[in-house]
Amino acid sequence: MGNPDCQRYPASYLDYGADGYSGACFPRNTDADMPSTCTDTRFEQVRVATAFGTFCVERAGAPHSEHTILLLHGFGVNSFLWRGVTARLARAGCLVLAPDLLGHGVSEWPADASLTFSEQADALAAALRNMERTRVTVVGQDTGGLVALALAARHPDMVRQLVIINPPDHRSLPPAPVRRMLRVADRLPAPPSRTAAPATPAAALPTHNQLAATALVAALLANGSAYPDHMTSATMAHYLAPWLVDGGAAQLCSLARELSSDSLPADTLAAVVAPTLVLRGDQDSSVPADVARTLAGSLENARLRVFPQHGRLLAAVAPDALARTLLAFITDSANPVATEAAVQA
């Protein structure tokens, strides 16, 4: 299942497939609510076909850069999360790839895929090969961090470095924000009968799916930032848009119910050998503080850093500080040690 009705992307893409690519490349129209730091960065959308499904990827930066950075969003959001970080990394000379994960955004919604972390990782590996990017730094936010771990474990030759931001406890899934969203879903009224005559013309009313999707996304993103004013209505609209199409709310709930503690194989952490940085916002109330610390201690070559006075969505709220941290790690990660340090945002 695709999501052709979402208008976050223009109609034309650069198309990649197993036998190369075809088509023409177009920059995304600049959104009025974008930070001013993004307006001088050329963002492109590429559509990358794999046997698992087709990814829509936002790309920016130097095509022949020494450093390719793959940014993976978390559950229920999309690549818009990374817009500010992408611009800063691209201006620093990196090539940045920010896909909508399968089942999210305007990437394909495969009807017959269970979309485990391992399957998402294998699909991303196929997409990177099709794009001829086979050695990358992978950055994952919350459940996107679990996809990043699976990618590093299953395709170690492709992952140069790894950054995990505010990871959930992989032993206790779904994460708290997703459980909260599912509780809201259980309380939503059933869709109205198609035979019932509306009291108001249908065009004047939001659909049941639109109302449901709005309630679900609001529940999912509640308390995502320690600074609520950063989560503006315009920002929320970007995260909400893909779920407003018919069936979007049901798709979101279906993906949520597939998250379980066996979604990440037990031997994943032991197989990760890439130098790893684990980042945590110390105001993230969705995950106990010791989860990030335990993860860093469980990996062979990792360190933990803390962002004081920040919550879960670091990329959205602190793109400058996060980009600086990523660039420092990329250029100085030959021999990280398991230490904890604070990052001043």
C-alpha atoms as a PDB file:
ATOM      1  CA  MET A   1       0.000   0.000   0.000  1.00  0.00           C
ATOM      2  CA  GLY A   2       1.349   3.423  -0.863  1.00  0.00           C
ATOM      3  CA  ASN A   3       0.471   6.829   0.438  1.00  0.00           C
ATOM      4  CA  PRO A   4       0.009   8.927  -2.730  1.00  0.00           C
ATOM      5  CA  ASP A   5      -2.289  11.460  -1.102  1.00  0.00           C
ATOM      6  CA  CYS A   6       0.292  12.911   1.279  1.00  0.00           C
ATOM      7  CA  GLN A   7       1.480  16.274  -0.033  1.00  0.00           C
ATOM      8  CA  ARG A   8       4.761  16.585   1.891  1.00  0.00           C
ATOM      9  CA  TYR A   9       6.661  15.694  -1.282  1.00  0.00           C
ATOM     10  CA  PRO A  10       6.409  16.969  -4.863  1.00  0.00           C
ATOM     11  CA  ALA A  11       5.205  14.656  -7.598  1.00  0.00           C
ATOM     12  CA  SER A  12       8.617  14.040  -9.171  1.00  0.00           C
ATOM     13  CA  TYR A  13      11.561  12.165  -7.685  1.00  0.00           C
ATOM     14  CA  LEU A  14      14.863  10.698  -8.686  1.00  0.00           C
ATOM     15  CA  ASP A  15      14.019   7.014  -8.934  1.00  0.00           C
ATOM     16  CA  TYR A  16      16.512   4.360  -7.872  1.00  0.00           C
ATOM     17  CA  GLY A  17      16.084   0.652  -8.512  1.00  0.00           C
ATOM     18  CA  ALA A  18      18.121  -2.495  -8.504  1.00  0.00           C
ATOM     19  CA  ASP A  19      19.416  -1.678 -12.009  1.00  0.00           C
ATOM     20  CA  GLY A  20      20.338   1.932 -11.352  1.00  0.00           C
ATOM     21  CA  TYR A  21      18.138   5.021 -11.524  1.00  0.00           C
ATOM     22  CA  SER A  22      15.949   6.953 -13.877  1.00  0.00           C
ATOM     23  CA  GLY A  23      14.035  10.188 -13.839  1.00  0.00           C
ATOM     24  CA  ALA A  24      14.877  13.736 -12.882  1.00  0.00           C
ATOM     25  CA  CYS A  25      15.682  15.305  -9.561  1.00  0.00           C
ATOM     26  CA  PHE A  26      13.715  18.208  -8.100  1.00  0.00           C
ATOM     27  CA  PRO A  27      14.319  20.236  -4.930  1.00  0.00           C
ATOM     28  CA  ARG A  28      11.536  20.244  -2.391  1.00  0.00           C
ATOM     29  CA  ASN A  29       9.621  23.474  -2.182  1.00  0.00           C
ATOM     30  CA  THR A  30      10.755  25.443   0.856  1.00  0.00           C
ATOM     31  CA  ASP A  31       8.132  25.317   3.592  1.00  0.00           C
ATOM     32  CA  ALA A  32       7.129  28.608   5.145  1.00  0.00           C
ATOM     33  CA  ASP A  33       7.559  27.301   8.663  1.00  0.00           C
ATOM     34  CA  MET A  34      11.099  25.991   8.121  1.00  0.00           C
ATOM     35  CA  PRO A  35      13.878  27.430  10.298  1.00  0.00           C
ATOM     36  CA  SER A  36      15.817  30.158   8.503  1.00  0.00           C
ATOM     37  CA  THR A  37      18.947  28.007   8.728  1.00  0.00           C
ATOM     38  CA  CYS A  38      17.344  25.537   6.290  1.00  0.00           C
ATOM     39  CA  THR A  39      16.483  27.938   3.502  1.00  0.00           C
ATOM     40  CA  ASP A  40      19.961  27.896   1.923  1.00  0.00           C
ATOM     41  CA  THR A  41      20.101  24.093   1.791  1.00  0.00           C
ATOM     42  CA  ARG A  42      18.933  22.188  -1.279  1.00  0.00           C
ATOM     43  CA  PHE A  43      16.763  19.268  -0.251  1.00  0.00           C
ATOM     44  CA  GLU A  44      15.940  16.578  -2.797  1.00  0.00           C
ATOM     45  CA  GLN A  45      13.556  13.664  -2.641  1.00  0.00           C
ATOM     46  CA  VAL A  46      14.628  10.328  -4.041  1.00  0.00           C
ATOM     47  CA  ARG A  47      12.493   7.253  -4.376  1.00  0.00           C
ATOM     48  CA  VAL A  48      14.446   4.046  -3.784  1.00  0.00           C
ATOM     49  CA  ALA A  49      12.910   0.725  -4.787  1.00  0.00           C
ATOM     50  CA  THR A  50      13.816  -2.463  -2.926  1.00  0.00           C
ATOM     51  CA  ALA A  51      12.307  -5.937  -2.759  1.00  0.00           C
ATOM     52  CA  PHE A  52      10.875  -4.968   0.642  1.00  0.00           C
ATOM     53  CA  GLY A  53       9.132  -1.803  -0.537  1.00  0.00           C
ATOM     54  CA  THR A  54       9.923   1.647  -1.876  1.00  0.00           C
ATOM     55  CA  PHE A  55      11.535   4.270   0.345  1.00  0.00           C
ATOM     56  CA  CYS A  56      11.131   8.007  -0.041  1.00  0.00           C
ATOM     57  CA  VAL A  57      14.399   9.591   1.074  1.00  0.00           C
ATOM     58  CA  GLU A  58      15.215  13.229   1.707  1.00  0.00           C
ATOM     59  CA  ARG A  59      18.751  13.940   0.542  1.00  0.00           C
ATOM     60  CA  ALA A  60      20.995  16.969   1.032  1.00  0.00           C
ATOM     61  CA  GLY A  61      24.686  17.742   0.862  1.00  0.00           C
ATOM     62  CA  ALA A  62      27.691  16.905  -1.258  1.00  0.00           C
ATOM     63  CA  PRO A  63      27.119  13.800  -3.430  1.00  0.00           C
ATOM     64  CA  HIS A  64      30.780  12.749  -3.205  1.00  0.00           C
ATOM     65  CA  SER A  65      31.329  13.534   0.462  1.00  0.00           C
ATOM     66  CA  GLU A  66      33.624  11.337   2.512  1.00  0.00           C
ATOM     67  CA  HIS A  67      30.891  11.143   5.149  1.00  0.00           C
ATOM     68  CA  THR A  68      27.423   9.807   4.394  1.00  0.00           C
ATOM     69  CA  ILE A  69      24.984  10.067   7.301  1.00  0.00           C
ATOM     70  CA  LEU A  70      21.758   8.048   7.429  1.00  0.00           C
ATOM     71  CA  LEU A  71      19.143   9.571   9.767  1.00  0.00           C
ATOM     72  CA  LEU A  72      16.368   7.268  11.025  1.00  0.00           C
ATOM     73  CA  HIS A  73      13.268   8.715  12.671  1.00  0.00           C
ATOM     74  CA  GLY A  74      11.283   6.970  15.379  1.00  0.00           C
ATOM     75  CA  PHE A  75       7.818   5.495  15.542  1.00  0.00           C
ATOM     76  CA  GLY A  76       4.924   7.402  14.024  1.00  0.00           C
ATOM     77  CA  VAL A  77       6.866  10.413  12.725  1.00  0.00           C
ATOM     78  CA  ASN A  78       8.846  10.862   9.502  1.00  0.00           C
ATOM     79  CA  SER A  79      11.969  12.380   8.009  1.00  0.00           C
ATOM     80  CA  PHE A  80      10.733  15.914   8.723  1.00  0.00           C
ATOM     81  CA  LEU A  81      12.072  15.343  12.253  1.00  0.00           C
ATOM     82  CA  TRP A  82      15.597  15.778  10.897  1.00  0.00           C
ATOM     83  CA  ARG A  83      15.123  18.869   8.721  1.00  0.00           C
ATOM     84  CA  GLY A  84      17.167  21.238  10.908  1.00  0.00           C
ATOM     85  CA  VAL A  85      19.903  18.667  11.575  1.00  0.00           C
ATOM     86  CA  THR A  86      20.081  17.706   7.898  1.00  0.00           C
ATOM     87  CA  ALA A  87      20.690  21.304   6.842  1.00  0.00           C
ATOM     88  CA  ARG A  88      23.500  21.773   9.348  1.00  0.00           C
ATOM     89  CA  LEU A  89      25.235  18.498   8.471  1.00  0.00           C
ATOM     90  CA  ALA A  90      24.939  19.216   4.756  1.00  0.00           C
ATOM     91  CA  ARG A  91      26.506  22.658   5.167  1.00  0.00           C
ATOM     92  CA  ALA A  92      29.383  20.976   7.023  1.00  0.00           C
ATOM     93  CA  GLY A  93      30.142  18.919   3.923  1.00  0.00           C
ATOM     94  CA  CYS A  94      28.321  15.656   4.666  1.00  0.00           C
ATOM     95  CA  LEU A  95      25.915  13.813   2.398  1.00  0.00           C
ATOM     96  CA  VAL A  96      22.739  13.298   4.437  1.00  0.00           C
ATOM     97  CA  LEU A  97      20.027  10.717   3.750  1.00  0.00           C
ATOM     98  CA  ALA A  98      16.816  10.872   5.797  1.00  0.00           C
ATOM     99  CA  PRO A  99      14.287   8.232   4.722  1.00  0.00           C
ATOM    100  CA  ASP A 100      10.722   7.757   5.770  1.00  0.00           C
ATOM    101  CA  LEU A 101      10.873   4.221   7.135  1.00  0.00           C
ATOM    102  CA  LEU A 102       8.620   1.671   5.455  1.00  0.00           C
ATOM    103  CA  GLY A 103       5.085   2.025   6.758  1.00  0.00           C
ATOM    104  CA  HIS A 104       5.672   5.695   7.603  1.00  0.00           C
ATOM    105  CA  GLY A 105       5.444   9.019   5.831  1.00  0.00           C
ATOM    106  CA  VAL A 106       5.249   8.654   2.081  1.00  0.00           C
ATOM    107  CA  SER A 107       7.385   5.546   1.856  1.00  0.00           C
ATOM    108  CA  GLU A 108       5.513   2.436   0.842  1.00  0.00           C
ATOM    109  CA  TRP A 109       3.171   0.799   3.335  1.00  0.00           C
ATOM    110  CA  PRO A 110       3.761  -2.892   2.522  1.00  0.00           C
ATOM    111  CA  ALA A 111       0.589  -4.853   3.182  1.00  0.00           C
ATOM    112  CA  ASP A 112       2.363  -8.183   3.627  1.00  0.00           C
ATOM    113  CA  ALA A 113       5.415  -7.146   5.675  1.00  0.00           C
ATOM    114  CA  SER A 114       5.559  -7.429   9.450  1.00  0.00           C
ATOM    115  CA  LEU A 115       8.086  -4.551   9.542  1.00  0.00           C
ATOM    116  CA  THR A 116      10.235  -5.829  12.387  1.00  0.00           C
ATOM    117  CA  PHE A 117      13.396  -3.919  13.183  1.00  0.00           C
ATOM    118  CA  SER A 118      15.425  -6.568  11.361  1.00  0.00           C
ATOM    119  CA  GLU A 119      13.252  -6.303   8.255  1.00  0.00           C
ATOM    120  CA  GLN A 120      13.479  -2.525   8.255  1.00  0.00           C
ATOM    121  CA  ALA A 121      17.259  -2.881   8.593  1.00  0.00           C
ATOM    122  CA  ASP A 122      17.508  -5.314   5.680  1.00  0.00           C
ATOM    123  CA  ALA A 123      15.331  -3.031   3.559  1.00  0.00           C
ATOM    124  CA  LEU A 124      17.551  -0.043   4.377  1.00  0.00           C
ATOM    125  CA  ALA A 125      20.663  -2.045   3.512  1.00  0.00           C
ATOM    126  CA  ALA A 126      19.134  -2.854   0.126  1.00  0.00           C
ATOM    127  CA  ALA A 127      18.246   0.812  -0.413  1.00  0.00           C
ATOM    128  CA  LEU A 128      21.786   1.930   0.458  1.00  0.00           C
ATOM    129  CA  ARG A 129      23.256  -0.586  -1.988  1.00  0.00           C
ATOM    130  CA  ASN A 130      20.928   0.673  -4.712  1.00  0.00           C
ATOM    131  CA  MET A 131      22.115   4.220  -3.976  1.00  0.00           C
ATOM    132  CA  GLU A 132      25.753   3.040  -3.981  1.00  0.00           C
ATOM    133  CA  ARG A 133      26.234   4.158  -0.374  1.00  0.00           C
ATOM    134  CA  THR A 134      27.710   1.140   1.351  1.00  0.00           C
ATOM    135  CA  ARG A 135      29.652   2.761   4.210  1.00  0.00           C
ATOM    136  CA  VAL A 136      27.611   5.149   6.339  1.00  0.00           C
ATOM    137  CA  THR A 137      27.210   6.657   9.776  1.00  0.00           C
ATOM    138  CA  VAL A 138      23.764   5.685  11.069  1.00  0.00           C
ATOM    139  CA  VAL A 139      21.829   7.888  13.500  1.00  0.00           C
ATOM    140  CA  GLY A 140      18.561   6.600  14.990  1.00  0.00           C
ATOM    141  CA  GLN A 141      15.990   8.366  17.179  1.00  0.00           C
ATOM    142  CA  ASP A 142      14.036   6.229  19.739  1.00  0.00           C
ATOM    143  CA  THR A 143      12.688   3.160  17.850  1.00  0.00           C
ATOM    144  CA  GLY A 144      14.724   4.302  14.845  1.00  0.00           C
ATOM    145  CA  GLY A 145      17.689   3.618  17.114  1.00  0.00           C
ATOM    146  CA  LEU A 146      16.610  -0.008  17.369  1.00  0.00           C
ATOM    147  CA  VAL A 147      16.475  -0.188  13.573  1.00  0.00           C
ATOM    148  CA  ALA A 148      19.983   1.315  13.540  1.00  0.00           C
ATOM    149  CA  LEU A 149      21.217  -1.351  15.964  1.00  0.00           C
ATOM    150  CA  ALA A 150      19.717  -4.073  13.787  1.00  0.00           C
ATOM    151  CA  LEU A 151      21.375  -2.567  10.707  1.00  0.00           C
ATOM    152  CA  ALA A 152      24.758  -2.445  12.447  1.00  0.00           C
ATOM    153  CA  ALA A 153      24.382  -6.033  13.667  1.00  0.00           C
ATOM    154  CA  ARG A 154      23.108  -7.555  10.422  1.00  0.00           C
ATOM    155  CA  HIS A 155      25.204  -5.494   7.996  1.00  0.00           C
ATOM    156  CA  PRO A 156      28.353  -4.561   9.942  1.00  0.00           C
ATOM    157  CA  ASP A 157      30.402  -3.753   6.843  1.00  0.00           C
ATOM    158  CA  MET A 158      27.961  -0.989   5.934  1.00  0.00           C
ATOM    159  CA  VAL A 159      27.951   0.836   9.277  1.00  0.00           C
ATOM    160  CA  ARG A 160      30.969   3.010   9.908  1.00  0.00           C
ATOM    161  CA  GLN A 161      29.646   4.591  13.121  1.00  0.00           C
ATOM    162  CA  LEU A 162      26.422   4.450  15.089  1.00  0.00           C
ATOM    163  CA  VAL A 163      24.510   7.052  17.099  1.00  0.00           C
ATOM    164  CA  ILE A 164      21.459   6.087  19.164  1.00  0.00           C
ATOM    165  CA  ILE A 165      19.287   8.919  20.514  1.00  0.00           C
ATOM    166  CA  ASN A 166      16.938   8.406  23.481  1.00  0.00           C
ATOM    167  CA  PRO A 167      16.507   4.683  22.864  1.00  0.00           C
ATOM    168  CA  PRO A 168      13.547   2.821  24.350  1.00  0.00           C
ATOM    169  CA  ASP A 169      14.148  -0.329  26.356  1.00  0.00           C
ATOM    170  CA  HIS A 170      14.234  -3.051  23.708  1.00  0.00           C
ATOM    171  CA  ARG A 171      13.253  -5.552  26.402  1.00  0.00           C
ATOM    172  CA  SER A 172      10.021  -3.673  27.152  1.00  0.00           C
ATOM    173  CA  LEU A 173       8.175  -2.783  23.972  1.00  0.00           C
ATOM    174  CA  PRO A 174       6.130  -1.006  22.827  1.00  0.00           C
ATOM    175  CA  PRO A 175       7.618   2.155  24.357  1.00  0.00           C
ATOM    176  CA  ALA A 176       5.571   4.241  26.786  1.00  0.00           C
ATOM    177  CA  PRO A 177       4.476   6.876  24.206  1.00  0.00           C
ATOM    178  CA  VAL A 178       3.201   4.131  21.906  1.00  0.00           C
ATOM    179  CA  ARG A 179       1.343   2.431  24.758  1.00  0.00           C
ATOM    180  CA  ARG A 180      -0.249   5.786  25.576  1.00  0.00           C
ATOM    181  CA  MET A 181      -1.307   6.168  21.961  1.00  0.00           C
ATOM    182  CA  LEU A 182      -2.872   2.703  21.934  1.00  0.00           C
ATOM    183  CA  ARG A 183      -4.874   3.522  25.066  1.00  0.00           C
ATOM    184  CA  VAL A 184      -6.263   6.543  23.236  1.00  0.00           C
ATOM    185  CA  ALA A 185      -7.048   4.319  20.249  1.00  0.00           C
ATOM    186  CA  ASP A 186      -9.030   1.952  22.467  1.00  0.00           C
ATOM    187  CA  ARG A 187     -11.230   4.840  23.586  1.00  0.00           C
ATOM    188  CA  LEU A 188     -11.968   6.243  20.132  1.00  0.00           C
ATOM    189  CA  PRO A 189     -15.548   5.858  18.868  1.00  0.00           C
ATOM    190  CA  ALA A 190     -16.198   3.419  16.060  1.00  0.00           C
ATOM    191  CA  PRO A 191     -16.403   4.852  12.531  1.00  0.00           C
ATOM    192  CA  PRO A 192     -19.901   5.964  11.573  1.00  0.00           C
ATOM    193  CA  SER A 193     -22.012   3.753   9.366  1.00  0.00           C
ATOM    194  CA  ARG A 194     -21.573   4.500   5.685  1.00  0.00           C
ATOM    195  CA  THR A 195     -25.345   4.356   5.255  1.00  0.00           C
ATOM    196  CA  ALA A 196     -26.061   6.997   7.878  1.00  0.00           C
ATOM    197  CA  ALA A 197     -27.066  10.369   6.424  1.00  0.00           C
ATOM    198  CA  PRO A 198     -24.808  13.132   7.849  1.00  0.00           C
ATOM    199  CA  ALA A 199     -26.503  16.064   9.519  1.00  0.00           C
ATOM    200  CA  THR A 200     -23.855  18.341   7.941  1.00  0.00           C
ATOM    201  CA  PRO A 201     -22.477  18.044   4.388  1.00  0.00           C
ATOM    202  CA  ALA A 202     -19.515  15.658   4.450  1.00  0.00           C
ATOM    203  CA  ALA A 203     -17.172  18.162   2.832  1.00  0.00           C
ATOM    204  CA  ALA A 204     -17.630  20.491   5.790  1.00  0.00           C
ATOM    205  CA  LEU A 205     -16.533  17.946   8.379  1.00  0.00           C
ATOM    206  CA  PRO A 206     -13.244  16.190   9.087  1.00  0.00           C
ATOM    207  CA  THR A 207     -13.468  12.473   8.481  1.00  0.00           C
ATOM    208  CA  HIS A 208     -13.466   9.931  11.278  1.00  0.00           C
ATOM    209  CA  ASN A 209      -9.950   8.902  10.191  1.00  0.00           C
ATOM    210  CA  GLN A 210      -8.709  12.495  10.362  1.00  0.00           C
ATOM    211  CA  LEU A 211     -10.083  12.972  13.859  1.00  0.00           C
ATOM    212  CA  ALA A 212      -8.675   9.628  14.992  1.00  0.00           C
ATOM    213  CA  ALA A 213      -5.242  10.267  13.459  1.00  0.00           C
ATOM    214  CA  THR A 214      -5.057  13.697  15.087  1.00  0.00           C
ATOM    215  CA  ALA A 215      -5.831  12.249  18.526  1.00  0.00           C
ATOM    216  CA  LEU A 216      -3.308   9.412  18.071  1.00  0.00           C
ATOM    217  CA  VAL A 217      -0.418  11.611  16.918  1.00  0.00           C
ATOM    218  CA  ALA A 218      -1.091  14.119  19.708  1.00  0.00           C
ATOM    219  CA  ALA A 219      -0.914  11.304  22.259  1.00  0.00           C
ATOM    220  CA  LEU A 220       2.248   9.897  20.684  1.00  0.00           C
ATOM    221  CA  LEU A 221       4.128  13.198  20.736  1.00  0.00           C
ATOM    222  CA  ALA A 222       2.911  14.453  24.114  1.00  0.00           C
ATOM    223  CA  ASN A 223       5.880  15.433  26.313  1.00  0.00           C
ATOM    224  CA  GLY A 224       8.277  14.880  23.416  1.00  0.00           C
ATOM    225  CA  SER A 225      10.036  18.143  24.215  1.00  0.00           C
ATOM    226  CA  ALA A 226      11.018  19.778  27.472  1.00  0.00           C
ATOM    227  CA  TYR A 227       9.988  23.019  25.732  1.00  0.00           C
ATOM    228  CA  PRO A 228       6.363  22.623  24.546  1.00  0.00           C
ATOM    229  CA  ASP A 229       6.488  25.851  22.500  1.00  0.00           C
ATOM    230  CA  HIS A 230       8.808  24.064  20.057  1.00  0.00           C
ATOM    231  CA  MET A 231       6.002  21.681  19.094  1.00  0.00           C
ATOM    232  CA  THR A 232       4.031  24.189  17.027  1.00  0.00           C
ATOM    233  CA  SER A 233       0.862  23.417  15.118  1.00  0.00           C
ATOM    234  CA  ALA A 234       2.831  23.687  11.855  1.00  0.00           C
ATOM    235  CA  THR A 235       5.358  21.123  13.084  1.00  0.00           C
ATOM    236  CA  MET A 236       2.595  18.794  14.250  1.00  0.00           C
ATOM    237  CA  ALA A 237       0.963  19.094  10.838  1.00  0.00           C
ATOM    238  CA  HIS A 238       4.064  17.645   9.154  1.00  0.00           C
ATOM    239  CA  TYR A 239       4.007  14.596  11.425  1.00  0.00           C
ATOM    240  CA  LEU A 240       0.245  14.202  11.112  1.00  0.00           C
ATOM    241  CA  ALA A 241      -0.123  14.613   7.335  1.00  0.00           C
ATOM    242  CA  PRO A 242       0.751  11.036   6.257  1.00  0.00           C
ATOM    243  CA  TRP A 243      -1.851   9.541   8.608  1.00  0.00           C
ATOM    244  CA  LEU A 244      -4.731  11.710   7.379  1.00  0.00           C
ATOM    245  CA  VAL A 245      -5.315   9.590   4.288  1.00  0.00           C
ATOM    246  CA  ASP A 246      -8.015   6.921   4.428  1.00  0.00           C
ATOM    247  CA  GLY A 247      -6.802   4.055   6.587  1.00  0.00           C
ATOM    248  CA  GLY A 248      -3.991   6.092   8.113  1.00  0.00           C
ATOM    249  CA  ALA A 249      -5.124   5.787  11.735  1.00  0.00           C
ATOM    250  CA  ALA A 250      -5.577   2.039  11.339  1.00  0.00           C
ATOM    251  CA  GLN A 251      -2.108   1.750   9.787  1.00  0.00           C
ATOM    252  CA  LEU A 252      -0.583   3.637  12.709  1.00  0.00           C
ATOM    253  CA  CYS A 253      -2.270   1.337  15.237  1.00  0.00           C
ATOM    254  CA  SER A 254      -1.282  -1.748  13.269  1.00  0.00           C
ATOM    255  CA  LEU A 255       2.372  -0.732  13.297  1.00  0.00           C
ATOM    256  CA  ALA A 256       2.145  -0.005  17.026  1.00  0.00           C
ATOM    257  CA  ARG A 257       0.720  -3.421  17.861  1.00  0.00           C
ATOM    258  CA  GLU A 258       3.550  -5.117  15.971  1.00  0.00           C
ATOM    259  CA  LEU A 259       6.123  -3.630  18.347  1.00  0.00           C
ATOM    260  CA  SER A 260       7.071  -6.245  20.888  1.00  0.00           C
ATOM    261  CA  SER A 261      10.079  -7.292  22.907  1.00  0.00           C
ATOM    262  CA  ASP A 262      10.920 -10.014  20.384  1.00  0.00           C
ATOM    263  CA  SER A 263      11.066  -7.464  17.542  1.00  0.00           C
ATOM    264  CA  LEU A 264      14.814  -7.158  18.155  1.00  0.00           C
ATOM    265  CA  PRO A 265      16.647 -10.515  18.310  1.00  0.00           C
ATOM    266  CA  ALA A 266      18.394 -11.189  21.608  1.00  0.00           C
ATOM    267  CA  ASP A 267      21.835 -11.466  20.015  1.00  0.00           C
ATOM    268  CA  THR A 268      21.669  -8.072  18.271  1.00  0.00           C
ATOM    269  CA  LEU A 269      23.718  -6.049  20.769  1.00  0.00           C
ATOM    270  CA  ALA A 270      26.538  -8.575  20.885  1.00  0.00           C
ATOM    271  CA  ALA A 271      26.864  -8.357  17.090  1.00  0.00           C
ATOM    272  CA  VAL A 272      27.320  -4.561  16.999  1.00  0.00           C
ATOM    273  CA  VAL A 273      30.995  -3.663  16.532  1.00  0.00           C
ATOM    274  CA  ALA A 274      30.771  -0.118  15.136  1.00  0.00           C
ATOM    275  CA  PRO A 275      31.908   2.748  17.382  1.00  0.00           C
ATOM    276  CA  THR A 276      28.705   3.928  19.038  1.00  0.00           C
ATOM    277  CA  LEU A 277      27.503   7.085  20.738  1.00  0.00           C
ATOM    278  CA  VAL A 278      24.364   6.868  22.892  1.00  0.00           C
ATOM    279  CA  LEU A 279      22.647  10.216  23.516  1.00  0.00           C
ATOM    280  CA  ARG A 280      19.967  10.934  26.080  1.00  0.00           C
ATOM    281  CA  GLY A 281      17.970  14.049  26.877  1.00  0.00           C
ATOM    282  CA  ASP A 282      17.833  14.097  30.657  1.00  0.00           C
ATOM    283  CA  GLN A 283      14.225  15.364  30.598  1.00  0.00           C
ATOM    284  CA  ASP A 284      12.964  12.392  28.581  1.00  0.00           C
ATOM    285  CA  SER A 285      10.222  11.078  30.835  1.00  0.00           C
ATOM    286  CA  SER A 286       9.222   8.262  28.487  1.00  0.00           C
ATOM    287  CA  VAL A 287      12.214   6.030  29.297  1.00  0.00           C
ATOM    288  CA  PRO A 288      14.047   5.453  32.625  1.00  0.00           C
ATOM    289  CA  ALA A 289      17.462   7.096  32.728  1.00  0.00           C
ATOM    290  CA  ASP A 290      19.284   3.812  33.186  1.00  0.00           C
ATOM    291  CA  VAL A 291      18.088   2.419  29.822  1.00  0.00           C
ATOM    292  CA  ALA A 292      20.565   4.522  27.798  1.00  0.00           C
ATOM    293  CA  ARG A 293      23.326   3.833  30.313  1.00  0.00           C
ATOM    294  CA  THR A 294      22.674   0.089  30.207  1.00  0.00           C
ATOM    295  CA  LEU A 295      22.649   0.092  26.411  1.00  0.00           C
ATOM    296  CA  ALA A 296      25.985   1.903  26.224  1.00  0.00           C
ATOM    297  CA  GLY A 297      27.465  -0.556  28.702  1.00  0.00           C
ATOM    298  CA  SER A 298      26.174  -3.522  26.703  1.00  0.00           C
ATOM    299  CA  LEU A 299      27.861  -2.523  23.462  1.00  0.00           C
ATOM    300  CA  GLU A 300      31.458  -3.351  22.662  1.00  0.00           C
ATOM    301  CA  ASN A 301      32.635   0.133  21.738  1.00  0.00           C
ATOM    302  CA  ALA A 302      30.261   2.780  23.063  1.00  0.00           C
ATOM    303  CA  ARG A 303      29.966   5.882  25.168  1.00  0.00           C
ATOM    304  CA  LEU A 304      27.037   7.797  26.634  1.00  0.00           C
ATOM    305  CA  ARG A 305      26.431  11.542  26.533  1.00  0.00           C
ATOM    306  CA  VAL A 306      23.602  13.488  28.135  1.00  0.00           C
ATOM    307  CA  PHE A 307      21.828  16.596  26.861  1.00  0.00           C
ATOM    308  CA  PRO A 308      20.821  18.574  29.982  1.00  0.00           C
ATOM    309  CA  GLN A 309      17.338  20.098  30.051  1.00  0.00           C
ATOM    310  CA  HIS A 310      16.134  18.377  26.889  1.00  0.00           C
ATOM    311  CA  GLY A 311      13.534  15.710  26.272  1.00  0.00           C
ATOM    312  CA  ARG A 312      12.928  12.995  23.723  1.00  0.00           C
ATOM    313  CA  LEU A 313      12.908  14.839  20.374  1.00  0.00           C
ATOM    314  CA  LEU A 314      16.434  16.258  20.386  1.00  0.00           C
ATOM    315  CA  ALA A 315      16.573  16.610  16.620  1.00  0.00           C
ATOM    316  CA  ALA A 316      13.541  18.876  16.571  1.00  0.00           C
ATOM    317  CA  VAL A 317      14.409  21.034  19.580  1.00  0.00           C
ATOM    318  CA  ALA A 318      18.227  21.186  19.627  1.00  0.00           C
ATOM    319  CA  PRO A 319      19.396  20.744  16.017  1.00  0.00           C
ATOM    320  CA  ASP A 320      22.467  22.969  16.440  1.00  0.00           C
ATOM    321  CA  ALA A 321      23.794  21.133  19.482  1.00  0.00           C
ATOM    322  CA  LEU A 322      22.922  17.737  18.036  1.00  0.00           C
ATOM    323  CA  ALA A 323      24.612  18.488  14.705  1.00  0.00           C
ATOM    324  CA  ARG A 324      27.762  19.682  16.493  1.00  0.00           C
ATOM    325  CA  THR A 325      27.789  16.517  18.585  1.00  0.00           C
ATOM    326  CA  LEU A 326      27.359  14.297  15.527  1.00  0.00           C
ATOM    327  CA  LEU A 327      30.118  16.066  13.606  1.00  0.00           C
ATOM    328  CA  ALA A 328      32.510  15.788  16.552  1.00  0.00           C
ATOM    329  CA  PHE A 329      31.780  12.086  16.867  1.00  0.00           C
ATOM    330  CA  ILE A 330      32.177  11.444  13.151  1.00  0.00           C
ATOM    331  CA  THR A 331      35.624  12.998  13.138  1.00  0.00           C
ATOM    332  CA  ASP A 332      36.798  11.547  16.461  1.00  0.00           C
ATOM    333  CA  SER A 333      35.388   8.069  16.987  1.00  0.00           C
ATOM    334  CA  ALA A 334      38.301   5.766  16.322  1.00  0.00           C
ATOM    335  CA  ASN A 335      38.553   4.681  19.940  1.00  0.00           C
ATOM    336  CA  PRO A 336      35.531   5.767  21.994  1.00  0.00           C
ATOM    337  CA  VAL A 337      35.397   4.690  25.598  1.00  0.00           C
ATOM    338  CA  ALA A 338      32.407   3.881  27.778  1.00  0.00           C
ATOM    339  CA  THR A 339      32.126   7.183  29.607  1.00  0.00           C
ATOM    340  CA  GLU A 340      29.286   9.541  30.388  1.00  0.00           C
ATOM    341  CA  ALA A 341      29.555  13.233  29.582  1.00  0.00           C
ATOM    342  CA  ALA A 342      27.189  16.162  29.352  1.00  0.00           C
ATOM    343  CA  VAL A 343      26.558  18.064  26.144  1.00  0.00           C
ATOM    344  CA  GLN A 344      25.749  21.723  26.565  1.00  0.00           C
ATOM    345  CA  ALA A 345      22.852  22.526  24.274  1.00  0.00           C
END
